[in-house]
C-alpha atoms as a PDB file:
ATOM      1  CA  MET A   1     124.332 119.010  84.088  1.00  0.00           C
ATOM      2  CA  SER A   2     124.823 122.395  85.796  1.00  0.00           C
ATOM      3  CA  TYR A   3     123.662 123.342  89.289  1.00  0.00           C
ATOM      4  CA  LYS A   4     122.812 126.728  90.777  1.00  0.00           C
ATOM      5  CA  HIS A   5     123.785 127.543  94.350  1.00  0.00           C
ATOM      6  CA  GLY A   6     122.372 130.197  96.672  1.00  0.00           C
ATOM      7  CA  ILE A   7     119.215 132.267  96.221  1.00  0.00           C
ATOM      8  CA  GLU A   8     117.611 132.823  92.847  1.00  0.00           C
ATOM      9  CA  VAL A   9     114.931 135.471  92.335  1.00  0.00           C
ATOM     10  CA  ALA A  10     112.399 135.673  89.491  1.00  0.00           C
ATOM     11  CA  GLU A  11     110.365 138.875  89.153  1.00  0.00           C
ATOM     12  CA  LYS A  12     106.971 139.176  87.535  1.00  0.00           C
ATOM     13  CA  ALA A  13     105.547 142.380  86.095  1.00  0.00           C
ATOM     14  CA  THR A  14     102.743 143.916  88.138  1.00  0.00           C
ATOM     15  CA  SER A  15      99.264 143.655  86.641  1.00  0.00           C
ATOM     16  CA  LEU A  16      98.532 147.337  87.293  1.00  0.00           C
ATOM     17  CA  LYS A  17     100.724 150.395  87.007  1.00  0.00           C
ATOM     18  CA  THR A  18     101.643 152.317  90.156  1.00  0.00           C
ATOM     19  CA  PRO A  19      99.186 155.232  90.465  1.00  0.00           C
ATOM     20  CA  LEU A  20     100.526 158.790  90.330  1.00  0.00           C
ATOM     21  CA  SER A  21      99.646 160.878  93.340  1.00  0.00           C
ATOM     22  CA  THR A  22      98.229 164.376  93.832  1.00  0.00           C
ATOM     23  CA  GLU A  23      97.316 166.499  96.845  1.00  0.00           C
ATOM     24  CA  TYR A  24      95.247 169.094  95.018  1.00  0.00           C
ATOM     25  CA  ALA A  25      92.782 167.231  92.790  1.00  0.00           C
ATOM     26  CA  ALA A  26      91.573 164.405  95.012  1.00  0.00           C
ATOM     27  CA  GLN A  27      88.225 162.927  94.038  1.00  0.00           C
ATOM     28  CA  VAL A  28      85.601 162.372  96.728  1.00  0.00           C
ATOM     29  CA  ILE A  29      83.119 159.926  95.248  1.00  0.00           C
ATOM     30  CA  PHE A  30      79.718 159.015  96.695  1.00  0.00           C
ATOM     31  CA  GLY A  31      77.735 155.930  95.740  1.00  0.00           C
ATOM     32  CA  THR A  32      77.206 152.242  96.408  1.00  0.00           C
ATOM     33  CA  ALA A  33      79.660 149.349  96.632  1.00  0.00           C
ATOM     34  CA  PRO A  34      79.353 145.553  97.087  1.00  0.00           C
ATOM     35  CA  VAL A  35      80.509 145.721 100.700  1.00  0.00           C
ATOM     36  CA  ASN A  36      79.645 142.059 101.311  1.00  0.00           C
ATOM     37  CA  LEU A  37      82.928 141.394  99.475  1.00  0.00           C
ATOM     38  CA  ALA A  38      84.899 143.810 101.665  1.00  0.00           C
ATOM     39  CA  GLU A  39      87.118 142.698 104.533  1.00  0.00           C
ATOM     40  CA  TYR A  40      84.975 144.593 107.075  1.00  0.00           C
ATOM     41  CA  PRO A  41      81.541 145.353 105.549  1.00  0.00           C
ATOM     42  CA  GLU A  42      80.140 147.240 108.569  1.00  0.00           C
ATOM     43  CA  LYS A  43      83.110 149.643 108.573  1.00  0.00           C
ATOM     44  CA  ALA A  44      82.608 150.595 104.936  1.00  0.00           C
ATOM     45  CA  VAL A  45      79.331 152.504 105.401  1.00  0.00           C
ATOM     46  CA  ASN A  46      78.979 156.297 105.515  1.00  0.00           C
ATOM     47  CA  THR A  47      82.641 156.868 106.213  1.00  0.00           C
ATOM     48  CA  PRO A  48      85.329 158.305 103.925  1.00  0.00           C
ATOM     49  CA  ILE A  49      87.754 155.621 102.766  1.00  0.00           C
ATOM     50  CA  MET A  50      90.969 156.794 101.130  1.00  0.00           C
ATOM     51  CA  THR A  51      92.654 154.327  98.791  1.00  0.00           C
ATOM     52  CA  ASN A  52      95.837 154.479  96.749  1.00  0.00           C
ATOM     53  CA  SER A  53      95.425 151.454  94.498  1.00  0.00           C
ATOM     54  CA  PHE A  54      92.791 149.253  92.932  1.00  0.00           C
ATOM     55  CA  GLU A  55      93.622 146.421  95.335  1.00  0.00           C
ATOM     56  CA  GLU A  56      93.164 148.718  98.348  1.00  0.00           C
ATOM     57  CA  ALA A  57      89.792 149.886  97.064  1.00  0.00           C
ATOM     58  CA  LYS A  58      88.686 146.325  96.332  1.00  0.00           C
ATOM     59  CA  ALA A  59      89.674 145.134  99.803  1.00  0.00           C
ATOM     60  CA  ALA A  60      88.001 148.053 101.589  1.00  0.00           C
ATOM     61  CA  LEU A  61      84.782 148.260  99.562  1.00  0.00           C
ATOM     62  CA  GLY A  62      84.523 145.175  97.359  1.00  0.00           C
ATOM     63  CA  TYR A  63      84.379 145.283  93.572  1.00  0.00           C
ATOM     64  CA  SER A  64      81.802 144.184  91.019  1.00  0.00           C
ATOM     65  CA  GLU A  65      81.346 144.601  87.279  1.00  0.00           C
ATOM     66  CA  ASP A  66      77.674 145.389  87.996  1.00  0.00           C
ATOM     67  CA  TRP A  67      78.208 149.150  87.808  1.00  0.00           C
ATOM     68  CA  LYS A  68      74.505 149.929  87.604  1.00  0.00           C
ATOM     69  CA  ASN A  69      73.905 148.637  91.139  1.00  0.00           C
ATOM     70  CA  TYR A  70      77.385 149.318  92.535  1.00  0.00           C
ATOM     71  CA  THR A  71      78.175 152.767  91.206  1.00  0.00           C
ATOM     72  CA  LEU A  72      81.513 153.334  92.964  1.00  0.00           C
ATOM     73  CA  CYS A  73      83.110 150.486  91.024  1.00  0.00           C
ATOM     74  CA  GLN A  74      83.171 152.404  87.738  1.00  0.00           C
ATOM     75  CA  SER A  75      85.263 155.102  89.420  1.00  0.00           C
ATOM     76  CA  MET A  76      87.611 152.452  90.793  1.00  0.00           C
ATOM     77  CA  ASP A  77      88.142 151.229  87.246  1.00  0.00           C
ATOM     78  CA  ALA A  78      88.463 154.711  85.739  1.00  0.00           C
ATOM     79  CA  SER A  79      90.855 155.993  88.405  1.00  0.00           C
ATOM     80  CA  TYR A  80      93.115 152.973  88.764  1.00  0.00           C
ATOM     81  CA  ASN A  81      92.889 151.197  85.422  1.00  0.00           C
ATOM     82  CA  LEU A  82      92.280 153.978  82.895  1.00  0.00           C
ATOM     83  CA  PHE A  83      94.359 156.808  84.398  1.00  0.00           C
ATOM     84  CA  GLN A  84      96.341 155.362  87.346  1.00  0.00           C
ATOM     85  CA  VAL A  85      95.761 158.248  89.752  1.00  0.00           C
ATOM     86  CA  SER A  86      95.561 158.459  93.523  1.00  0.00           C
ATOM     87  CA  PRO A  87      94.445 159.058  96.171  1.00  0.00           C
ATOM     88  CA  VAL A  88      90.735 158.472  95.665  1.00  0.00           C
ATOM     89  CA  ILE A  89      88.299 158.891  98.543  1.00  0.00           C
ATOM     90  CA  PHE A  90      85.139 156.794  98.429  1.00  0.00           C
ATOM     91  CA  VAL A  91      81.973 157.114 100.515  1.00  0.00           C
ATOM     92  CA  ASN A  92      79.641 154.128 100.310  1.00  0.00           C
ATOM     93  CA  VAL A  93      76.046 154.663 101.468  1.00  0.00           C
ATOM     94  CA  LEU A  94      74.804 151.089 100.978  1.00  0.00           C
ATOM     95  CA  ASP A  95      74.241 149.813 104.515  1.00  0.00           C
ATOM     96  CA  PRO A  96      74.353 146.005 104.972  1.00  0.00           C
ATOM     97  CA  GLU A  97      72.129 146.436 108.028  1.00  0.00           C
ATOM     98  CA  ARG A  98      69.365 148.323 106.208  1.00  0.00           C
ATOM     99  CA  HIS A  99      69.616 147.762 102.467  1.00  0.00           C
ATOM    100  CA  VAL A 100      69.113 143.995 102.457  1.00  0.00           C
ATOM    101  CA  LYS A 101      66.576 141.372 101.439  1.00  0.00           C
ATOM    102  CA  GLU A 102      65.950 137.857 102.637  1.00  0.00           C
ATOM    103  CA  LEU A 103      67.475 135.124 100.521  1.00  0.00           C
ATOM    104  CA  GLU A 104      64.906 132.386 100.164  1.00  0.00           C
ATOM    105  CA  GLU A 105      66.182 128.901 100.825  1.00  0.00           C
ATOM    106  CA  MET A 106      67.827 127.482  97.745  1.00  0.00           C
ATOM    107  CA  THR A 107      69.228 124.007  97.152  1.00  0.00           C
ATOM    108  CA  VAL A 108      72.555 123.913  95.334  1.00  0.00           C
ATOM    109  CA  PRO A 109      75.134 121.227  94.529  1.00  0.00           C
ATOM    110  CA  VAL A 110      78.085 121.192  96.926  1.00  0.00           C
ATOM    111  CA  ALA A 111      80.572 122.251  94.274  1.00  0.00           C
ATOM    112  CA  ASN A 112      78.324 124.957  92.845  1.00  0.00           C
ATOM    113  CA  VAL A 113      78.107 128.712  93.341  1.00  0.00           C
ATOM    114  CA  ALA A 114      75.144 130.484  94.934  1.00  0.00           C
ATOM    115  CA  SER A 115      73.600 133.925  94.449  1.00  0.00           C
ATOM    116  CA  PRO A 116      75.607 137.211  94.396  1.00  0.00           C
ATOM    117  CA  GLY A 117      75.394 139.800  97.183  1.00  0.00           C
ATOM    118  CA  ILE A 118      75.168 137.297 100.044  1.00  0.00           C
ATOM    119  CA  LEU A 119      76.270 138.512 103.474  1.00  0.00           C
ATOM    120  CA  LEU A 120      78.517 135.980 105.158  1.00  0.00           C
ATOM    121  CA  LYS A 121      77.508 136.975 108.688  1.00  0.00           C
ATOM    122  CA  ASP A 122      73.882 136.061 107.945  1.00  0.00           C
ATOM    123  CA  LEU A 123      74.612 132.943 105.924  1.00  0.00           C
ATOM    124  CA  THR A 124      72.952 129.673 106.931  1.00  0.00           C
ATOM    125  CA  VAL A 125      74.092 126.381 105.394  1.00  0.00           C
ATOM    126  CA  LYS A 126      72.159 123.151 105.975  1.00  0.00           C
ATOM    127  CA  MET A 127      72.243 119.588 104.691  1.00  0.00           C
ATOM    128  CA  GLU A 128      69.620 116.858 104.629  1.00  0.00           C
ATOM    129  CA  THR A 129      70.064 114.127 107.224  1.00  0.00           C
ATOM    130  CA  GLU A 130      69.363 111.419 104.657  1.00  0.00           C
ATOM    131  CA  THR A 131      69.360 111.060 100.895  1.00  0.00           C
ATOM    132  CA  ARG A 132      68.250 108.242  98.666  1.00  0.00           C
ATOM    133  CA  THR A 133      68.432 107.591  94.943  1.00  0.00           C
ATOM    134  CA  GLY A 134      65.235 108.036  92.999  1.00  0.00           C
ATOM    135  CA  GLU A 135      63.880 105.070  91.059  1.00  0.00           C
ATOM    136  CA  ALA A 136      62.578 107.024  88.108  1.00  0.00           C
ATOM    137  CA  GLU A 137      65.850 108.782  87.384  1.00  0.00           C
ATOM    138  CA  VAL A 138      69.070 107.172  88.508  1.00  0.00           C
ATOM    139  CA  GLY A 139      71.453 109.607  90.210  1.00  0.00           C
ATOM    140  CA  THR A 140      68.757 112.058  91.292  1.00  0.00           C
ATOM    141  CA  ALA A 141      69.074 112.968  94.973  1.00  0.00           C
ATOM    142  CA  VAL A 142      65.715 112.978  96.733  1.00  0.00           C
ATOM    143  CA  ALA A 143      65.747 114.766 100.102  1.00  0.00           C
ATOM    144  CA  ALA A 144      64.443 112.956 103.159  1.00  0.00           C
ATOM    145  CA  GLY A 145      64.621 113.792 106.848  1.00  0.00           C
ATOM    146  CA  THR A 146      65.176 117.031 108.715  1.00  0.00           C
ATOM    147  CA  PRO A 147      67.850 119.500 107.521  1.00  0.00           C
ATOM    148  CA  VAL A 148      70.815 119.893 109.862  1.00  0.00           C
ATOM    149  CA  GLU A 149      72.622 123.236 110.105  1.00  0.00           C
ATOM    150  CA  LEU A 150      76.348 123.154 109.450  1.00  0.00           C
ATOM    151  CA  THR A 151      78.916 125.240 111.300  1.00  0.00           C
ATOM    152  CA  ALA A 152      81.168 127.689 109.478  1.00  0.00           C
ATOM    153  CA  ASP A 153      84.908 126.949 109.640  1.00  0.00           C
ATOM    154  CA  GLU A 154      84.174 123.543 111.178  1.00  0.00           C
ATOM    155  CA  ASP A 155      81.991 121.926 108.523  1.00  0.00           C
ATOM    156  CA  TYR A 156      82.507 124.317 105.612  1.00  0.00           C
ATOM    157  CA  LEU A 157      84.366 127.376 104.373  1.00  0.00           C
ATOM    158  CA  ALA A 158      82.536 130.249 102.684  1.00  0.00           C
ATOM    159  CA  SER A 159      84.263 132.580 100.250  1.00  0.00           C
ATOM    160  CA  PHE A 160      83.632 134.531  97.058  1.00  0.00           C
ATOM    161  CA  ASN A 161      84.951 133.951  93.562  1.00  0.00           C
ATOM    162  CA  ASP A 162      86.228 136.691  91.229  1.00  0.00           C
ATOM    163  CA  SER A 163      82.670 137.392  90.052  1.00  0.00           C
ATOM    164  CA  GLY A 164      81.404 138.005  93.599  1.00  0.00           C
ATOM    165  CA  TYR A 165      79.461 134.757  93.828  1.00  0.00           C
ATOM    166  CA  LEU A 166      79.431 132.707  97.002  1.00  0.00           C
ATOM    167  CA  VAL A 167      81.424 129.479  97.022  1.00  0.00           C
ATOM    168  CA  VAL A 168      80.851 126.954  99.822  1.00  0.00           C
ATOM    169  CA  THR A 169      83.616 124.403 100.319  1.00  0.00           C
ATOM    170  CA  ILE A 170      82.777 121.365 102.450  1.00  0.00           C
ATOM    171  CA  LEU A 171      85.521 120.208 104.831  1.00  0.00           C
ATOM    172  CA  SER A 172      86.264 116.493 104.788  1.00  0.00           C
ATOM    173  CA  SER A 173      86.580 116.504 108.581  1.00  0.00           C
ATOM    174  CA  GLY A 174      83.183 118.150 109.125  1.00  0.00           C
ATOM    175  CA  ALA A 175      79.625 116.911 109.540  1.00  0.00           C
ATOM    176  CA  GLY A 176      78.762 117.625 105.903  1.00  0.00           C
ATOM    177  CA  SER A 177      81.568 115.630 104.324  1.00  0.00           C
ATOM    178  CA  GLU A 178      79.104 113.218 102.631  1.00  0.00           C
ATOM    179  CA  ALA A 179      76.652 115.901 101.486  1.00  0.00           C
ATOM    180  CA  GLN A 180      75.785 116.074  97.797  1.00  0.00           C
ATOM    181  CA  GLU A 181      73.539 119.145  98.071  1.00  0.00           C
ATOM    182  CA  LEU A 182      73.305 122.084 100.446  1.00  0.00           C
ATOM    183  CA  ILE A 183      70.419 124.316 101.496  1.00  0.00           C
ATOM    184  CA  ILE A 184      71.512 127.966 101.502  1.00  0.00           C
ATOM    185  CA  SER A 185      69.635 130.883 103.091  1.00  0.00           C
ATOM    186  CA  GLY A 186      70.396 134.251 104.627  1.00  0.00           C
ATOM    187  CA  LYS A 187      70.404 137.864 103.508  1.00  0.00           C
ATOM    188  CA  VAL A 188      71.585 139.592 100.346  1.00  0.00           C
ATOM    189  CA  LEU A 189      72.450 143.188  99.586  1.00  0.00           C
ATOM    190  CA  ALA A 190      69.637 145.169  97.960  1.00  0.00           C
ATOM    191  CA  PRO A 191      71.196 148.198  96.243  1.00  0.00           C
ATOM    192  CA  ASP A 192      67.797 149.015  94.747  1.00  0.00           C
ATOM    193  CA  LEU A 193      66.658 150.014  98.248  1.00  0.00           C
ATOM    194  CA  VAL A 194      69.176 152.875  98.420  1.00  0.00           C
ATOM    195  CA  THR A 195      67.296 156.157  97.968  1.00  0.00           C
ATOM    196  CA  GLU A 196      68.170 159.712  97.030  1.00  0.00           C
ATOM    197  CA  GLU A 197      67.694 160.595 100.702  1.00  0.00           C
ATOM    198  CA  ASP A 198      70.384 158.058 101.623  1.00  0.00           C
ATOM    199  CA  MET A 199      72.739 159.684  99.145  1.00  0.00           C
ATOM    200  CA  ILE A 200      72.049 163.253 100.256  1.00  0.00           C
ATOM    201  CA  GLY A 201      72.321 162.164 103.873  1.00  0.00           C
ATOM    202  CA  ALA A 202      71.862 164.058 107.104  1.00  0.00           C
ATOM    203  CA  TYR A 203      73.441 164.921 110.435  1.00  0.00           C
ATOM    204  CA  ASP A 204      71.979 163.325 113.562  1.00  0.00           C
ATOM    205  CA  SER A 205      72.358 165.839 116.393  1.00  0.00           C
ATOM    206  CA  VAL A 206      71.703 163.138 119.001  1.00  0.00           C
ATOM    207  CA  THR A 207      74.289 160.582 117.899  1.00  0.00           C
ATOM    208  CA  GLY A 208      76.567 162.997 116.046  1.00  0.00           C
ATOM    209  CA  LYS A 209      76.544 160.631 113.084  1.00  0.00           C
ATOM    210  CA  GLU A 210      76.746 161.915 109.519  1.00  0.00           C
ATOM    211  CA  THR A 211      75.520 160.097 106.439  1.00  0.00           C
ATOM    212  CA  GLY A 212      75.638 160.583 102.684  1.00  0.00           C
ATOM    213  CA  LEU A 213      77.077 163.867 101.425  1.00  0.00           C
ATOM    214  CA  GLU A 214      77.336 165.135 104.995  1.00  0.00           C
ATOM    215  CA  VAL A 215      80.334 162.813 105.405  1.00  0.00           C
ATOM    216  CA  LEU A 216      82.309 165.263 103.231  1.00  0.00           C
ATOM    217  CA  ARG A 217      83.131 167.266 106.358  1.00  0.00           C
ATOM    218  CA  GLN A 218      85.244 164.372 107.656  1.00  0.00           C
ATOM    219  CA  VAL A 219      87.633 164.186 104.696  1.00  0.00           C
ATOM    220  CA  TYR A 220      90.095 166.943 105.602  1.00  0.00           C
ATOM    221  CA  PRO A 221      90.266 166.214 109.359  1.00  0.00           C
ATOM    222  CA  ARG A 222      90.900 162.517 108.665  1.00  0.00           C
ATOM    223  CA  PHE A 223      93.347 162.691 105.770  1.00  0.00           C
ATOM    224  CA  GLY A 224      94.672 166.244 105.599  1.00  0.00           C
ATOM    225  CA  ILE A 225      93.516 166.439 101.976  1.00  0.00           C
ATOM    226  CA  ALA A 226      91.157 169.106 100.676  1.00  0.00           C
ATOM    227  CA  PRO A 227      88.571 167.719  98.218  1.00  0.00           C
ATOM    228  CA  GLY A 228      89.239 168.659  94.608  1.00  0.00           C
ATOM    229  CA  PHE A 229      86.216 167.100  92.916  1.00  0.00           C
ATOM    230  CA  LEU A 230      82.896 165.849  94.242  1.00  0.00           C
ATOM    231  CA  LEU A 231      81.042 163.289  92.152  1.00  0.00           C
ATOM    232  CA  ALA A 232      78.397 160.605  92.341  1.00  0.00           C
ATOM    233  CA  PRO A 233      78.432 158.586  89.091  1.00  0.00           C
ATOM    234  CA  GLY A 234      75.101 156.938  88.413  1.00  0.00           C
ATOM    235  CA  TRP A 235      73.372 159.347  90.803  1.00  0.00           C
ATOM    236  CA  SER A 236      74.273 162.896  89.772  1.00  0.00           C
ATOM    237  CA  GLU A 237      71.880 162.773  86.814  1.00  0.00           C
ATOM    238  CA  LYS A 238      69.090 163.067  89.404  1.00  0.00           C
ATOM    239  CA  PRO A 239      68.345 166.787  90.018  1.00  0.00           C
ATOM    240  CA  ASN A 240      68.077 166.423  93.805  1.00  0.00           C
ATOM    241  CA  ILE A 241      71.501 164.789  93.996  1.00  0.00           C
ATOM    242  CA  GLY A 242      72.954 167.378  91.621  1.00  0.00           C
ATOM    243  CA  ALA A 243      71.561 170.218  93.723  1.00  0.00           C
ATOM    244  CA  ALA A 244      73.040 168.691  96.871  1.00  0.00           C
ATOM    245  CA  LEU A 245      76.456 168.298  95.235  1.00  0.00           C
ATOM    246  CA  GLN A 246      76.416 171.884  94.036  1.00  0.00           C
ATOM    247  CA  GLY A 247      75.541 173.037  97.540  1.00  0.00           C
ATOM    248  CA  LYS A 248      78.578 171.226  98.983  1.00  0.00           C
ATOM    249  CA  CYS A 249      81.211 172.896  96.792  1.00  0.00           C
ATOM    250  CA  GLN A 250      81.812 175.927  99.001  1.00  0.00           C
ATOM    251  CA  ASP A 251      82.796 176.484 102.638  1.00  0.00           C
ATOM    252  CA  ILE A 252      83.994 172.895 103.139  1.00  0.00           C
ATOM    253  CA  ASN A 253      85.182 172.850 106.764  1.00  0.00           C
ATOM    254  CA  GLY A 254      84.590 176.599 106.631  1.00  0.00           C
ATOM    255  CA  VAL A 255      87.671 177.027 104.432  1.00  0.00           C
ATOM    256  CA  PHE A 256      87.783 175.086 101.160  1.00  0.00           C
ATOM    257  CA  ARG A 257      86.080 175.197  97.791  1.00  0.00           C
ATOM    258  CA  CYS A 258      86.017 172.579  95.047  1.00  0.00           C
ATOM    259  CA  MET A 259      84.277 171.546  91.843  1.00  0.00           C
ATOM    260  CA  CYS A 260      81.505 169.003  91.371  1.00  0.00           C
ATOM    261  CA  LEU A 261      80.942 166.797  88.336  1.00  0.00           C
ATOM    262  CA  LEU A 262      77.331 166.330  87.211  1.00  0.00           C
ATOM    263  CA  ASP A 263      75.943 163.994  84.562  1.00  0.00           C
ATOM    264  CA  LEU A 264      72.956 164.816  82.393  1.00  0.00           C
ATOM    265  CA  ASP A 265      70.246 162.179  82.125  1.00  0.00           C
ATOM    266  CA  THR A 266      70.772 160.578  78.708  1.00  0.00           C
ATOM    267  CA  ALA A 267      67.180 159.341  78.685  1.00  0.00           C
ATOM    268  CA  GLN A 268      66.105 162.994  78.482  1.00  0.00           C
ATOM    269  CA  ALA A 269      69.080 164.417  76.589  1.00  0.00           C
ATOM    270  CA  GLN A 270      69.200 161.934  73.739  1.00  0.00           C
ATOM    271  CA  LYS A 271      71.072 164.265  71.388  1.00  0.00           C
ATOM    272  CA  TYR A 272      73.449 167.190  71.818  1.00  0.00           C
ATOM    273  CA  SER A 273      70.813 169.831  71.070  1.00  0.00           C
ATOM    274  CA  ASP A 274      68.740 168.567  74.039  1.00  0.00           C
ATOM    275  CA  CYS A 275      71.484 169.267  76.567  1.00  0.00           C
ATOM    276  CA  GLU A 276      70.907 172.965  77.229  1.00  0.00           C
ATOM    277  CA  LYS A 277      67.222 172.455  78.016  1.00  0.00           C
ATOM    278  CA  VAL A 278      67.829 169.409  80.226  1.00  0.00           C
ATOM    279  CA  LYS A 279      70.654 171.205  82.041  1.00  0.00           C
ATOM    280  CA  GLU A 280      68.435 174.221  82.770  1.00  0.00           C
ATOM    281  CA  GLU A 281      65.507 172.093  83.916  1.00  0.00           C
ATOM    282  CA  ALA A 282      67.802 170.176  86.277  1.00  0.00           C
ATOM    283  CA  GLY A 283      69.127 173.431  87.738  1.00  0.00           C
ATOM    284  CA  TYR A 284      72.752 172.599  86.944  1.00  0.00           C
ATOM    285  CA  SER A 285      73.966 176.193  86.760  1.00  0.00           C
ATOM    286  CA  ASP A 286      76.384 176.591  89.664  1.00  0.00           C
ATOM    287  CA  PRO A 287      79.775 178.052  88.632  1.00  0.00           C
ATOM    288  CA  HIS A 288      81.469 175.239  90.547  1.00  0.00           C
ATOM    289  CA  ALA A 289      79.714 172.537  88.498  1.00  0.00           C
ATOM    290  CA  VAL A 290      81.067 170.788  85.411  1.00  0.00           C
ATOM    291  CA  VAL A 291      78.098 169.361  83.498  1.00  0.00           C
ATOM    292  CA  LEU A 292      78.806 166.276  81.403  1.00  0.00           C
ATOM    293  CA  TRP A 293      77.100 164.385  78.556  1.00  0.00           C
ATOM    294  CA  PRO A 294      76.728 161.671  77.262  1.00  0.00           C
ATOM    295  CA  ARG A 295      77.874 158.342  78.750  1.00  0.00           C
ATOM    296  CA  LEU A 296      81.154 156.776  77.622  1.00  0.00           C
ATOM    297  CA  THR A 297      82.109 153.257  76.553  1.00  0.00           C
ATOM    298  CA  ARG A 298      85.445 151.471  76.399  1.00  0.00           C
ATOM    299  CA  ASN A 299      86.098 147.800  75.723  1.00  0.00           C
ATOM    300  CA  GLY A 300      82.414 147.027  76.159  1.00  0.00           C
ATOM    301  CA  LYS A 301      82.175 148.809  79.525  1.00  0.00           C
ATOM    302  CA  GLU A 302      79.837 151.761  79.958  1.00  0.00           C
ATOM    303  CA  TYR A 303      80.871 154.613  82.286  1.00  0.00           C
ATOM    304  CA  ALA A 304      79.100 157.647  83.618  1.00  0.00           C
ATOM    305  CA  TYR A 305      81.022 160.553  82.077  1.00  0.00           C
ATOM    306  CA  SER A 306      81.743 161.970  85.540  1.00  0.00           C
ATOM    307  CA  ALA A 307      83.665 158.832  86.569  1.00  0.00           C
ATOM    308  CA  VAL A 308      86.067 159.192  83.639  1.00  0.00           C
ATOM    309  CA  TYR A 309      86.248 162.999  83.760  1.00  0.00           C
ATOM    310  CA  GLY A 310      87.153 162.957  87.459  1.00  0.00           C
ATOM    311  CA  ALA A 311      90.026 160.538  86.883  1.00  0.00           C
ATOM    312  CA  MET A 312      91.160 162.433  83.788  1.00  0.00           C
ATOM    313  CA  ALA A 313      91.118 165.810  85.548  1.00  0.00           C
ATOM    314  CA  CYS A 314      93.106 164.309  88.401  1.00  0.00           C
ATOM    315  CA  SER A 315      95.639 162.928  85.916  1.00  0.00           C
ATOM    316  CA  ASN A 316      95.962 166.278  84.130  1.00  0.00           C
ATOM    317  CA  THR A 317      96.590 168.002  87.450  1.00  0.00           C
ATOM    318  CA  ILE A 318      99.354 165.534  88.284  1.00  0.00           C
ATOM    319  CA  VAL A 319     101.191 165.844  84.959  1.00  0.00           C
ATOM    320  CA  ASN A 320     101.051 169.633  85.304  1.00  0.00           C
ATOM    321  CA  ASN A 321     102.855 169.529  88.667  1.00  0.00           C
ATOM    322  CA  ASP A 322      99.668 169.900  90.709  1.00  0.00           C
END
């Protein structure tokens, strides 16, 4: 038998390629993200967040395969998985203080997973004080007594699985160690409450706070990067959003210009010959606008064309030496 002495190292290949970087074609992307999954949800609202990898974006904003409700996630996938480009600057407008709904009390098995979109800071976990076994059906837990609230980190740990669903793990040293079922309540994100007005945003002269597209002004002072492309996948097919994006392409910080990427509504432009009429009716005629149609699919995933075009244009800029 042979023995090895000293230190031995085994390397594993990375799951994602290292993104290529550009200073002149940076995407600034507006939309919604599952910020309940982010490390600091409250800090991920109406502020530009520059990321250089998929893992950075996921940690800062959260990630979900539900691209219809969380529109920024398709650009994360397109930029970091399809084309491997960076940096990408995201602006999330979904506010966990405003765009939320109450989660009605739900009883779940201890080892089970609850509803998506739950905010941990508003989570309430309770257990029944007593349980007994039903006579009609052996093994059925019948609640009795008054529910007792459990304490996070003392009685249970709350986390999220890879699909963004809440997982509650009972601690053996806590008050709920014998619980078979839990009563969950709290608040959940409601991306359907985000409006076009939230996306377009405004400047509050009293507080000095900027929201929505108005946050664009902060990009260059914060990061020293001039925006190359403005886009809002899942939103830019709405004429009001498209008009606002077109209006932001010039005089950025009084100095810069850029392009915006606009999607045509595929419900109206169902075939190529419909595009010219739909484009004119939407008012997508600015010389700084690239108008895109239709939607794209890859491996069963459906993208807004702008999400893929933005990443592709960034990649082309990089391979042509900026």
